[in-house]
Amino acid sequence: MKNLLFILYAFLPMMAAAQNVVTVEQAGTLEEQVSNLGLLDATNLTIAGELNGTDILFLRSLLTDGTGVKQRNLTILDLSDVKIVEGGSSYVKFSVGSDTSEGCACYTRTDELGEYMFYGCETLSSVVLPRSVKSIGERCFAGALALTSIDVPVGVRRIGSQAFAVCSQLETVVLPSTLLSIDAWAFEDCPNLRRVFLSASVPPSFGFQSFSTPADCQLVLSARLSQEVVGYYEQADGWKTFGEIKQDAAPASLGSLPTASSPTASEDEYLLSGVKAVATSKGIRIAGNRKFIK
């Protein structure tokens, strides 16, 4: 009996992690799936399947009440196997002045992380973006005060204006080889941003003050890029203003890593930035060639 209990306790963390995986068979049913699984108060969720505006509206309700005040416990999201599709209700609406009958409503578009999608989600500390995404809209993650790193997946071509503005804890950004443009103020007011990894062979267009304090940042270019390309960055508008430009191996893309329930006892855990994680820290971690949620 003692051996049986030992085995049960050993597998409890893995069982808990498995219970937090939500597969959406039909767009618009995320709330039903989460409710049926008893995960309304979960601290982390791994979601797969198609999500429309109705699903995003519900997901926002797990992160914020619309004013940046935490409503439930959700802080960690793995959306790597999510596909954003058109349809459903608006996921956020802004009124004009005191007239609540008029305003700006936001609806999902296929393969886009739309404008204001995770705006004001102050407690969202870790997120893996969908692999299928092609663009990140205006103020998509603005005011996500707890985010410490973001890995923009391969396939994304544009990052909209103020997409990550006022992410005050953001330290590390990984940008893909497919990126073509970063709009104005995309990373405005991110005072702790220190490292930007980039593997594009052509410097993406740099909007007005895309990074508010580039002199305090290190631009880390992929080691696979030629010295000629490095020279392009050193002369390119915006990019040349970074405090240091160097080459190094880029971190593994989170979206491409398989998900594990936990690392083995012998594996060290790392943050996206490549810094070794401390034992007490929470969020998405990398160990070996896998990612996991702690």
C-alpha atoms as a PDB file:
ATOM      1  CA  MET A   1       0.000   0.000   0.000  1.00  0.00           C
ATOM      2  CA  LYS A   2       2.846   2.390   0.851  1.00  0.00           C
ATOM      3  CA  ASN A   3       4.444   1.694  -2.531  1.00  0.00           C
ATOM      4  CA  LEU A   4       1.143   2.401  -4.267  1.00  0.00           C
ATOM      5  CA  LEU A   5       0.772   5.715  -2.423  1.00  0.00           C
ATOM      6  CA  PHE A   6       4.353   6.648  -3.303  1.00  0.00           C
ATOM      7  CA  ILE A   7       3.672   6.029  -6.999  1.00  0.00           C
ATOM      8  CA  LEU A   8       0.435   8.033  -6.801  1.00  0.00           C
ATOM      9  CA  TYR A   9       2.125  11.010  -5.157  1.00  0.00           C
ATOM     10  CA  ALA A  10       4.975  10.859  -7.664  1.00  0.00           C
ATOM     11  CA  PHE A  11       2.551  11.166 -10.576  1.00  0.00           C
ATOM     12  CA  LEU A  12       0.222  13.775  -9.082  1.00  0.00           C
ATOM     13  CA  PRO A  13       2.099  16.762 -10.627  1.00  0.00           C
ATOM     14  CA  MET A  14       1.980  15.084 -14.050  1.00  0.00           C
ATOM     15  CA  MET A  15      -1.709  14.325 -13.651  1.00  0.00           C
ATOM     16  CA  ALA A  16      -2.433  17.920 -12.657  1.00  0.00           C
ATOM     17  CA  ALA A  17      -0.546  19.234 -15.665  1.00  0.00           C
ATOM     18  CA  ALA A  18      -2.414  16.887 -17.989  1.00  0.00           C
ATOM     19  CA  GLN A  19      -5.756  18.092 -16.598  1.00  0.00           C
ATOM     20  CA  ASN A  20      -4.906  21.645 -17.660  1.00  0.00           C
ATOM     21  CA  VAL A  21      -4.822  20.790 -21.372  1.00  0.00           C
ATOM     22  CA  VAL A  22      -7.957  22.001 -23.161  1.00  0.00           C
ATOM     23  CA  THR A  23      -8.661  20.861 -26.729  1.00  0.00           C
ATOM     24  CA  VAL A  24     -11.302  22.929 -28.507  1.00  0.00           C
ATOM     25  CA  GLU A  25     -13.071  20.820 -31.115  1.00  0.00           C
ATOM     26  CA  GLN A  26     -15.249  23.682 -32.365  1.00  0.00           C
ATOM     27  CA  ALA A  27     -14.535  27.411 -32.269  1.00  0.00           C
ATOM     28  CA  GLY A  28     -16.707  29.219 -29.755  1.00  0.00           C
ATOM     29  CA  THR A  29     -16.813  26.414 -27.185  1.00  0.00           C
ATOM     30  CA  LEU A  30     -13.750  27.193 -25.043  1.00  0.00           C
ATOM     31  CA  GLU A  31     -15.857  28.279 -22.058  1.00  0.00           C
ATOM     32  CA  GLU A  32     -17.819  25.039 -22.163  1.00  0.00           C
ATOM     33  CA  GLN A  33     -14.633  22.962 -22.358  1.00  0.00           C
ATOM     34  CA  VAL A  34     -12.911  24.804 -19.499  1.00  0.00           C
ATOM     35  CA  SER A  35     -16.023  24.630 -17.330  1.00  0.00           C
ATOM     36  CA  ASN A  36     -16.523  20.911 -17.982  1.00  0.00           C
ATOM     37  CA  LEU A  37     -12.919  20.240 -16.970  1.00  0.00           C
ATOM     38  CA  GLY A  38     -13.281  22.283 -13.784  1.00  0.00           C
ATOM     39  CA  LEU A  39     -10.486  24.671 -14.780  1.00  0.00           C
ATOM     40  CA  LEU A  40     -12.152  28.032 -14.246  1.00  0.00           C
ATOM     41  CA  ASP A  41      -9.706  28.782 -11.421  1.00  0.00           C
ATOM     42  CA  ALA A  42      -6.626  27.174 -12.990  1.00  0.00           C
ATOM     43  CA  THR A  43      -3.336  29.076 -12.774  1.00  0.00           C
ATOM     44  CA  ASN A  44      -2.129  27.685 -16.111  1.00  0.00           C
ATOM     45  CA  LEU A  45      -3.799  26.458 -19.291  1.00  0.00           C
ATOM     46  CA  THR A  46      -2.523  24.758 -22.429  1.00  0.00           C
ATOM     47  CA  ILE A  47      -5.062  25.257 -25.205  1.00  0.00           C
ATOM     48  CA  ALA A  48      -5.254  23.619 -28.637  1.00  0.00           C
ATOM     49  CA  GLY A  49      -7.707  24.058 -31.494  1.00  0.00           C
ATOM     50  CA  GLU A  50      -9.495  26.939 -33.221  1.00  0.00           C
ATOM     51  CA  LEU A  51     -10.452  30.030 -31.202  1.00  0.00           C
ATOM     52  CA  ASN A  52     -12.769  32.813 -32.353  1.00  0.00           C
ATOM     53  CA  GLY A  53     -13.859  36.085 -30.768  1.00  0.00           C
ATOM     54  CA  THR A  54     -16.222  34.376 -28.329  1.00  0.00           C
ATOM     55  CA  ASP A  55     -13.337  32.235 -27.053  1.00  0.00           C
ATOM     56  CA  ILE A  56     -10.985  35.200 -26.712  1.00  0.00           C
ATOM     57  CA  LEU A  57     -13.658  37.136 -24.802  1.00  0.00           C
ATOM     58  CA  PHE A  58     -13.943  34.240 -22.356  1.00  0.00           C
ATOM     59  CA  LEU A  59     -10.168  33.885 -22.103  1.00  0.00           C
ATOM     60  CA  ARG A  60      -9.898  37.573 -21.265  1.00  0.00           C
ATOM     61  CA  SER A  61     -12.468  37.061 -18.498  1.00  0.00           C
ATOM     62  CA  LEU A  62     -10.051  34.583 -16.881  1.00  0.00           C
ATOM     63  CA  LEU A  63      -7.266  37.166 -16.970  1.00  0.00           C
ATOM     64  CA  THR A  64      -8.920  40.530 -16.319  1.00  0.00           C
ATOM     65  CA  ASP A  65     -12.285  42.154 -15.722  1.00  0.00           C
ATOM     66  CA  GLY A  66     -11.472  44.747 -18.362  1.00  0.00           C
ATOM     67  CA  THR A  67      -9.901  47.252 -15.992  1.00  0.00           C
ATOM     68  CA  GLY A  68      -6.653  45.380 -15.363  1.00  0.00           C
ATOM     69  CA  VAL A  69      -7.910  43.994 -12.051  1.00  0.00           C
ATOM     70  CA  LYS A  70      -7.349  40.264 -11.625  1.00  0.00           C
ATOM     71  CA  GLN A  71     -10.599  38.324 -11.742  1.00  0.00           C
ATOM     72  CA  ARG A  72      -9.396  34.736 -11.389  1.00  0.00           C
ATOM     73  CA  ASN A  73      -6.065  32.919 -11.068  1.00  0.00           C
ATOM     74  CA  LEU A  74      -4.867  32.370 -14.633  1.00  0.00           C
ATOM     75  CA  THR A  75      -1.308  33.637 -15.225  1.00  0.00           C
ATOM     76  CA  ILE A  76       0.319  31.151 -17.636  1.00  0.00           C
ATOM     77  CA  LEU A  77      -0.880  30.317 -21.166  1.00  0.00           C
ATOM     78  CA  ASP A  78       0.466  27.937 -23.792  1.00  0.00           C
ATOM     79  CA  LEU A  79      -1.295  28.750 -27.072  1.00  0.00           C
ATOM     80  CA  SER A  80       1.255  27.153 -29.394  1.00  0.00           C
ATOM     81  CA  ASP A  81      -1.327  24.777 -30.920  1.00  0.00           C
ATOM     82  CA  VAL A  82      -4.081  27.402 -31.202  1.00  0.00           C
ATOM     83  CA  LYS A  83      -5.324  28.782 -34.508  1.00  0.00           C
ATOM     84  CA  ILE A  84      -7.133  32.131 -34.382  1.00  0.00           C
ATOM     85  CA  VAL A  85     -10.122  32.155 -36.772  1.00  0.00           C
ATOM     86  CA  GLU A  86     -12.773  34.650 -37.809  1.00  0.00           C
ATOM     87  CA  GLY A  87     -16.214  34.582 -36.226  1.00  0.00           C
ATOM     88  CA  GLY A  88     -17.882  34.820 -32.857  1.00  0.00           C
ATOM     89  CA  SER A  89     -18.544  37.926 -30.802  1.00  0.00           C
ATOM     90  CA  SER A  90     -16.296  40.949 -30.340  1.00  0.00           C
ATOM     91  CA  TYR A  91     -13.681  40.185 -27.710  1.00  0.00           C
ATOM     92  CA  VAL A  92     -13.291  43.753 -26.485  1.00  0.00           C
ATOM     93  CA  LYS A  93     -15.268  46.963 -26.947  1.00  0.00           C
ATOM     94  CA  PHE A  94     -14.421  50.553 -26.160  1.00  0.00           C
ATOM     95  CA  SER A  95     -17.077  53.221 -25.774  1.00  0.00           C
ATOM     96  CA  VAL A  96     -16.715  56.794 -26.983  1.00  0.00           C
ATOM     97  CA  GLY A  97     -16.954  59.165 -24.042  1.00  0.00           C
ATOM     98  CA  SER A  98     -20.104  58.577 -22.019  1.00  0.00           C
ATOM     99  CA  ASP A  99     -22.004  57.127 -24.978  1.00  0.00           C
ATOM    100  CA  THR A 100     -21.768  53.346 -24.535  1.00  0.00           C
ATOM    101  CA  SER A 101     -23.852  52.764 -27.680  1.00  0.00           C
ATOM    102  CA  GLU A 102     -20.949  53.805 -29.892  1.00  0.00           C
ATOM    103  CA  GLY A 103     -17.361  52.688 -29.828  1.00  0.00           C
ATOM    104  CA  CYS A 104     -14.720  50.423 -31.264  1.00  0.00           C
ATOM    105  CA  ALA A 105     -15.378  46.685 -31.238  1.00  0.00           C
ATOM    106  CA  CYS A 106     -12.591  44.215 -31.992  1.00  0.00           C
ATOM    107  CA  TYR A 107     -13.227  40.964 -33.850  1.00  0.00           C
ATOM    108  CA  THR A 108     -10.871  38.091 -34.616  1.00  0.00           C
ATOM    109  CA  ARG A 109      -9.205  37.690 -38.002  1.00  0.00           C
ATOM    110  CA  THR A 110      -7.664  34.431 -39.153  1.00  0.00           C
ATOM    111  CA  ASP A 111      -4.059  33.938 -38.030  1.00  0.00           C
ATOM    112  CA  GLU A 112      -3.831  37.333 -36.340  1.00  0.00           C
ATOM    113  CA  LEU A 113      -3.336  38.213 -32.707  1.00  0.00           C
ATOM    114  CA  GLY A 114      -5.612  41.213 -33.047  1.00  0.00           C
ATOM    115  CA  GLU A 115      -5.554  44.674 -31.569  1.00  0.00           C
ATOM    116  CA  TYR A 116      -6.178  44.837 -27.820  1.00  0.00           C
ATOM    117  CA  MET A 117      -6.513  41.031 -27.615  1.00  0.00           C
ATOM    118  CA  PHE A 118      -4.626  40.728 -24.311  1.00  0.00           C
ATOM    119  CA  TYR A 119      -4.644  44.420 -23.456  1.00  0.00           C
ATOM    120  CA  GLY A 120      -4.569  45.149 -19.736  1.00  0.00           C
ATOM    121  CA  CYS A 121      -4.022  41.512 -18.707  1.00  0.00           C
ATOM    122  CA  GLU A 122      -1.776  42.582 -15.853  1.00  0.00           C
ATOM    123  CA  THR A 123      -1.267  39.157 -14.281  1.00  0.00           C
ATOM    124  CA  LEU A 124      -0.339  37.260 -17.469  1.00  0.00           C
ATOM    125  CA  SER A 125       3.240  36.286 -16.616  1.00  0.00           C
ATOM    126  CA  SER A 126       4.073  33.703 -19.314  1.00  0.00           C
ATOM    127  CA  VAL A 127       2.589  33.025 -22.749  1.00  0.00           C
ATOM    128  CA  VAL A 128       3.569  30.868 -25.725  1.00  0.00           C
ATOM    129  CA  LEU A 129       2.109  32.395 -28.865  1.00  0.00           C
ATOM    130  CA  PRO A 130       0.323  30.367 -31.584  1.00  0.00           C
ATOM    131  CA  ARG A 131       2.637  28.928 -34.221  1.00  0.00           C
ATOM    132  CA  SER A 132       0.124  29.829 -36.937  1.00  0.00           C
ATOM    133  CA  VAL A 133       0.085  33.577 -36.240  1.00  0.00           C
ATOM    134  CA  LYS A 134       1.196  35.966 -38.990  1.00  0.00           C
ATOM    135  CA  SER A 135       0.850  39.351 -37.278  1.00  0.00           C
ATOM    136  CA  ILE A 136       0.467  40.948 -33.838  1.00  0.00           C
ATOM    137  CA  GLY A 137      -1.927  43.879 -33.713  1.00  0.00           C
ATOM    138  CA  GLU A 138      -1.957  47.286 -32.093  1.00  0.00           C
ATOM    139  CA  ARG A 139      -1.720  47.196 -28.278  1.00  0.00           C
ATOM    140  CA  CYS A 140      -2.212  43.432 -28.311  1.00  0.00           C
ATOM    141  CA  PHE A 141      -0.280  42.904 -25.057  1.00  0.00           C
ATOM    142  CA  ALA A 142      -0.049  46.502 -23.868  1.00  0.00           C
ATOM    143  CA  GLY A 143      -0.145  46.718 -20.098  1.00  0.00           C
ATOM    144  CA  ALA A 144       0.729  43.049 -19.542  1.00  0.00           C
ATOM    145  CA  LEU A 145       2.735  44.116 -16.520  1.00  0.00           C
ATOM    146  CA  ALA A 146       3.874  40.651 -15.394  1.00  0.00           C
ATOM    147  CA  LEU A 147       5.338  39.428 -18.707  1.00  0.00           C
ATOM    148  CA  THR A 148       9.097  38.875 -18.421  1.00  0.00           C
ATOM    149  CA  SER A 149       9.794  37.453 -21.894  1.00  0.00           C
ATOM    150  CA  ILE A 150       8.109  37.019 -25.239  1.00  0.00           C
ATOM    151  CA  ASP A 151       8.996  34.682 -28.098  1.00  0.00           C
ATOM    152  CA  VAL A 152       7.456  35.852 -31.370  1.00  0.00           C
ATOM    153  CA  PRO A 153       7.023  32.732 -33.555  1.00  0.00           C
ATOM    154  CA  VAL A 154       8.412  32.180 -37.024  1.00  0.00           C
ATOM    155  CA  GLY A 155       5.789  33.311 -39.537  1.00  0.00           C
ATOM    156  CA  VAL A 156       5.013  36.656 -37.907  1.00  0.00           C
ATOM    157  CA  ARG A 157       5.752  39.497 -40.325  1.00  0.00           C
ATOM    158  CA  ARG A 158       4.490  42.549 -38.474  1.00  0.00           C
ATOM    159  CA  ILE A 159       4.308  43.782 -34.887  1.00  0.00           C
ATOM    160  CA  GLY A 160       1.780  46.600 -34.523  1.00  0.00           C
ATOM    161  CA  SER A 161       1.997  49.936 -32.792  1.00  0.00           C
ATOM    162  CA  GLN A 162       2.322  49.707 -28.997  1.00  0.00           C
ATOM    163  CA  ALA A 163       1.821  45.932 -29.194  1.00  0.00           C
ATOM    164  CA  PHE A 164       3.950  45.408 -26.063  1.00  0.00           C
ATOM    165  CA  ALA A 165       3.854  48.908 -24.605  1.00  0.00           C
ATOM    166  CA  VAL A 166       3.989  49.288 -20.828  1.00  0.00           C
ATOM    167  CA  CYS A 167       5.146  45.700 -20.249  1.00  0.00           C
ATOM    168  CA  SER A 168       7.193  46.935 -17.340  1.00  0.00           C
ATOM    169  CA  GLN A 169       8.749  43.582 -16.367  1.00  0.00           C
ATOM    170  CA  LEU A 170       9.679  42.536 -19.917  1.00  0.00           C
ATOM    171  CA  GLU A 171      13.369  41.607 -20.044  1.00  0.00           C
ATOM    172  CA  THR A 172      13.846  39.440 -23.154  1.00  0.00           C
ATOM    173  CA  VAL A 173      12.320  39.489 -26.637  1.00  0.00           C
ATOM    174  CA  VAL A 174      12.941  36.886 -29.349  1.00  0.00           C
ATOM    175  CA  LEU A 175      12.046  38.019 -32.876  1.00  0.00           C
ATOM    176  CA  PRO A 176      11.728  35.648 -35.867  1.00  0.00           C
ATOM    177  CA  SER A 177      13.534  35.465 -39.186  1.00  0.00           C
ATOM    178  CA  THR A 178      10.251  36.279 -40.974  1.00  0.00           C
ATOM    179  CA  LEU A 179       9.751  39.672 -39.328  1.00  0.00           C
ATOM    180  CA  LEU A 180       9.446  42.567 -41.803  1.00  0.00           C
ATOM    181  CA  SER A 181       8.326  45.511 -39.684  1.00  0.00           C
ATOM    182  CA  ILE A 182       7.965  46.790 -36.121  1.00  0.00           C
ATOM    183  CA  ASP A 183       5.563  49.703 -35.867  1.00  0.00           C
ATOM    184  CA  ALA A 184       5.940  52.851 -33.781  1.00  0.00           C
ATOM    185  CA  TRP A 185       6.214  52.501 -30.013  1.00  0.00           C
ATOM    186  CA  ALA A 186       5.813  48.705 -30.217  1.00  0.00           C
ATOM    187  CA  PHE A 187       7.973  48.257 -27.095  1.00  0.00           C
ATOM    188  CA  GLU A 188       7.356  51.662 -25.555  1.00  0.00           C
ATOM    189  CA  ASP A 189       7.872  52.019 -21.803  1.00  0.00           C
ATOM    190  CA  CYS A 190       9.542  48.643 -21.215  1.00  0.00           C
ATOM    191  CA  PRO A 191      12.232  49.878 -18.798  1.00  0.00           C
ATOM    192  CA  ASN A 192      13.624  46.427 -17.948  1.00  0.00           C
ATOM    193  CA  LEU A 193      14.110  45.239 -21.538  1.00  0.00           C
ATOM    194  CA  ARG A 194      17.761  44.251 -21.884  1.00  0.00           C
ATOM    195  CA  ARG A 195      18.090  41.643 -24.680  1.00  0.00           C
ATOM    196  CA  VAL A 196      16.503  41.412 -28.114  1.00  0.00           C
ATOM    197  CA  PHE A 197      17.270  38.284 -30.152  1.00  0.00           C
ATOM    198  CA  LEU A 198      16.791  38.550 -33.909  1.00  0.00           C
ATOM    199  CA  SER A 199      17.527  36.198 -36.822  1.00  0.00           C
ATOM    200  CA  ALA A 200      16.155  38.116 -39.848  1.00  0.00           C
ATOM    201  CA  SER A 201      18.684  38.366 -42.677  1.00  0.00           C
ATOM    202  CA  VAL A 202      17.262  41.780 -43.648  1.00  0.00           C
ATOM    203  CA  PRO A 203      16.782  44.354 -40.862  1.00  0.00           C
ATOM    204  CA  PRO A 204      13.021  44.789 -40.299  1.00  0.00           C
ATOM    205  CA  SER A 205      11.707  48.308 -40.795  1.00  0.00           C
ATOM    206  CA  PHE A 206      11.918  50.228 -37.534  1.00  0.00           C
ATOM    207  CA  GLY A 207       9.008  52.522 -36.655  1.00  0.00           C
ATOM    208  CA  PHE A 208       9.289  55.722 -34.664  1.00  0.00           C
ATOM    209  CA  GLN A 209      10.709  54.770 -31.263  1.00  0.00           C
ATOM    210  CA  SER A 210       9.798  51.102 -31.701  1.00  0.00           C
ATOM    211  CA  PHE A 211      12.004  50.554 -28.643  1.00  0.00           C
ATOM    212  CA  SER A 212      11.933  53.440 -26.198  1.00  0.00           C
ATOM    213  CA  THR A 213      15.390  52.808 -24.667  1.00  0.00           C
ATOM    214  CA  PRO A 214      17.477  50.887 -27.235  1.00  0.00           C
ATOM    215  CA  ALA A 215      20.712  52.278 -25.803  1.00  0.00           C
ATOM    216  CA  ASP A 216      20.057  50.133 -22.715  1.00  0.00           C
ATOM    217  CA  CYS A 217      19.490  46.987 -24.798  1.00  0.00           C
ATOM    218  CA  GLN A 218      21.712  44.365 -26.323  1.00  0.00           C
ATOM    219  CA  LEU A 219      20.763  43.285 -29.848  1.00  0.00           C
ATOM    220  CA  VAL A 220      21.759  39.638 -30.237  1.00  0.00           C
ATOM    221  CA  LEU A 221      21.830  38.546 -33.883  1.00  0.00           C
ATOM    222  CA  SER A 222      21.793  34.904 -34.911  1.00  0.00           C
ATOM    223  CA  ALA A 223      25.232  33.342 -35.209  1.00  0.00           C
ATOM    224  CA  ARG A 224      24.141  32.046 -38.621  1.00  0.00           C
ATOM    225  CA  LEU A 225      24.035  35.556 -40.097  1.00  0.00           C
ATOM    226  CA  SER A 226      27.024  36.756 -42.116  1.00  0.00           C
ATOM    227  CA  GLN A 227      29.233  39.647 -41.075  1.00  0.00           C
ATOM    228  CA  GLU A 228      27.808  41.540 -44.039  1.00  0.00           C
ATOM    229  CA  VAL A 229      24.313  41.264 -42.554  1.00  0.00           C
ATOM    230  CA  VAL A 230      25.618  42.337 -39.140  1.00  0.00           C
ATOM    231  CA  GLY A 231      26.985  45.413 -40.903  1.00  0.00           C
ATOM    232  CA  TYR A 232      23.520  46.151 -42.293  1.00  0.00           C
ATOM    233  CA  TYR A 233      22.131  46.245 -38.757  1.00  0.00           C
ATOM    234  CA  GLU A 234      24.954  48.473 -37.557  1.00  0.00           C
ATOM    235  CA  GLN A 235      23.946  51.027 -40.212  1.00  0.00           C
ATOM    236  CA  ALA A 236      20.148  50.528 -40.229  1.00  0.00           C
ATOM    237  CA  ASP A 237      17.851  53.190 -38.816  1.00  0.00           C
ATOM    238  CA  GLY A 238      16.725  52.271 -35.322  1.00  0.00           C
ATOM    239  CA  TRP A 239      18.810  49.123 -34.980  1.00  0.00           C
ATOM    240  CA  LYS A 240      22.064  51.071 -34.977  1.00  0.00           C
ATOM    241  CA  THR A 241      20.929  52.845 -31.794  1.00  0.00           C
ATOM    242  CA  PHE A 242      21.146  49.688 -29.665  1.00  0.00           C
ATOM    243  CA  GLY A 243      23.751  49.826 -26.921  1.00  0.00           C
ATOM    244  CA  GLU A 244      25.506  46.697 -28.178  1.00  0.00           C
ATOM    245  CA  ILE A 245      25.159  44.532 -31.289  1.00  0.00           C
ATOM    246  CA  LYS A 246      26.619  41.029 -31.065  1.00  0.00           C
ATOM    247  CA  GLN A 247      26.135  37.547 -32.446  1.00  0.00           C
ATOM    248  CA  ASP A 248      25.196  34.459 -30.485  1.00  0.00           C
ATOM    249  CA  ALA A 249      23.009  31.382 -30.701  1.00  0.00           C
ATOM    250  CA  ALA A 250      19.320  32.269 -30.463  1.00  0.00           C
ATOM    251  CA  PRO A 251      17.168  30.588 -27.793  1.00  0.00           C
ATOM    252  CA  ALA A 252      15.020  27.686 -28.918  1.00  0.00           C
ATOM    253  CA  SER A 253      11.597  28.801 -30.125  1.00  0.00           C
ATOM    254  CA  LEU A 254       9.065  27.862 -27.447  1.00  0.00           C
ATOM    255  CA  GLY A 255       6.385  27.071 -29.984  1.00  0.00           C
ATOM    256  CA  SER A 256       8.557  24.437 -31.638  1.00  0.00           C
ATOM    257  CA  LEU A 257       9.415  22.602 -28.412  1.00  0.00           C
ATOM    258  CA  PRO A 258       7.306  19.649 -27.244  1.00  0.00           C
ATOM    259  CA  THR A 259       5.538  20.051 -23.915  1.00  0.00           C
ATOM    260  CA  ALA A 260       6.544  17.899 -20.950  1.00  0.00           C
ATOM    261  CA  SER A 261       4.876  17.552 -17.563  1.00  0.00           C
ATOM    262  CA  SER A 262       8.151  18.134 -15.696  1.00  0.00           C
ATOM    263  CA  PRO A 263      11.935  17.985 -16.199  1.00  0.00           C
ATOM    264  CA  THR A 264      13.963  15.010 -15.062  1.00  0.00           C
ATOM    265  CA  ALA A 265      15.835  15.333 -11.791  1.00  0.00           C
ATOM    266  CA  SER A 266      19.183  15.746 -13.583  1.00  0.00           C
ATOM    267  CA  GLU A 267      18.068  18.528 -15.961  1.00  0.00           C
ATOM    268  CA  ASP A 268      18.665  22.198 -15.281  1.00  0.00           C
ATOM    269  CA  GLU A 269      15.789  24.604 -15.933  1.00  0.00           C
ATOM    270  CA  TYR A 270      16.243  27.791 -17.974  1.00  0.00           C
ATOM    271  CA  LEU A 271      14.297  30.933 -18.753  1.00  0.00           C
ATOM    272  CA  LEU A 272      13.730  31.978 -22.355  1.00  0.00           C
ATOM    273  CA  SER A 273      16.664  34.373 -22.028  1.00  0.00           C
ATOM    274  CA  GLY A 274      19.009  31.449 -21.371  1.00  0.00           C
ATOM    275  CA  VAL A 275      19.428  32.376 -17.704  1.00  0.00           C
ATOM    276  CA  LYS A 276      19.193  29.452 -15.293  1.00  0.00           C
ATOM    277  CA  ALA A 277      15.879  29.513 -13.434  1.00  0.00           C
ATOM    278  CA  VAL A 278      15.751  29.572  -9.655  1.00  0.00           C
ATOM    279  CA  ALA A 279      13.850  26.779  -7.936  1.00  0.00           C
ATOM    280  CA  THR A 280      11.069  29.007  -6.610  1.00  0.00           C
ATOM    281  CA  SER A 281      10.236  30.791  -9.874  1.00  0.00           C
ATOM    282  CA  LYS A 282       7.019  30.033 -11.744  1.00  0.00           C
ATOM    283  CA  GLY A 283       6.099  30.096 -15.426  1.00  0.00           C
ATOM    284  CA  ILE A 284       7.178  28.470 -18.695  1.00  0.00           C
ATOM    285  CA  ARG A 285      10.620  26.906 -18.501  1.00  0.00           C
ATOM    286  CA  ILE A 286      12.973  25.037 -20.869  1.00  0.00           C
ATOM    287  CA  ALA A 287      14.766  21.833 -19.851  1.00  0.00           C
ATOM    288  CA  GLY A 288      16.615  19.693 -22.374  1.00  0.00           C
ATOM    289  CA  ASN A 289      14.708  20.050 -25.623  1.00  0.00           C
ATOM    290  CA  ARG A 290      11.269  20.414 -24.023  1.00  0.00           C
ATOM    291  CA  LYS A 291       9.190  23.152 -22.435  1.00  0.00           C
ATOM    292  CA  PHE A 292       7.098  22.739 -19.316  1.00  0.00           C
ATOM    293  CA  ILE A 293       4.966  24.798 -16.965  1.00  0.00           C
ATOM    294  CA  LYS A 294       5.990  25.179 -13.342  1.00  0.00           C
END
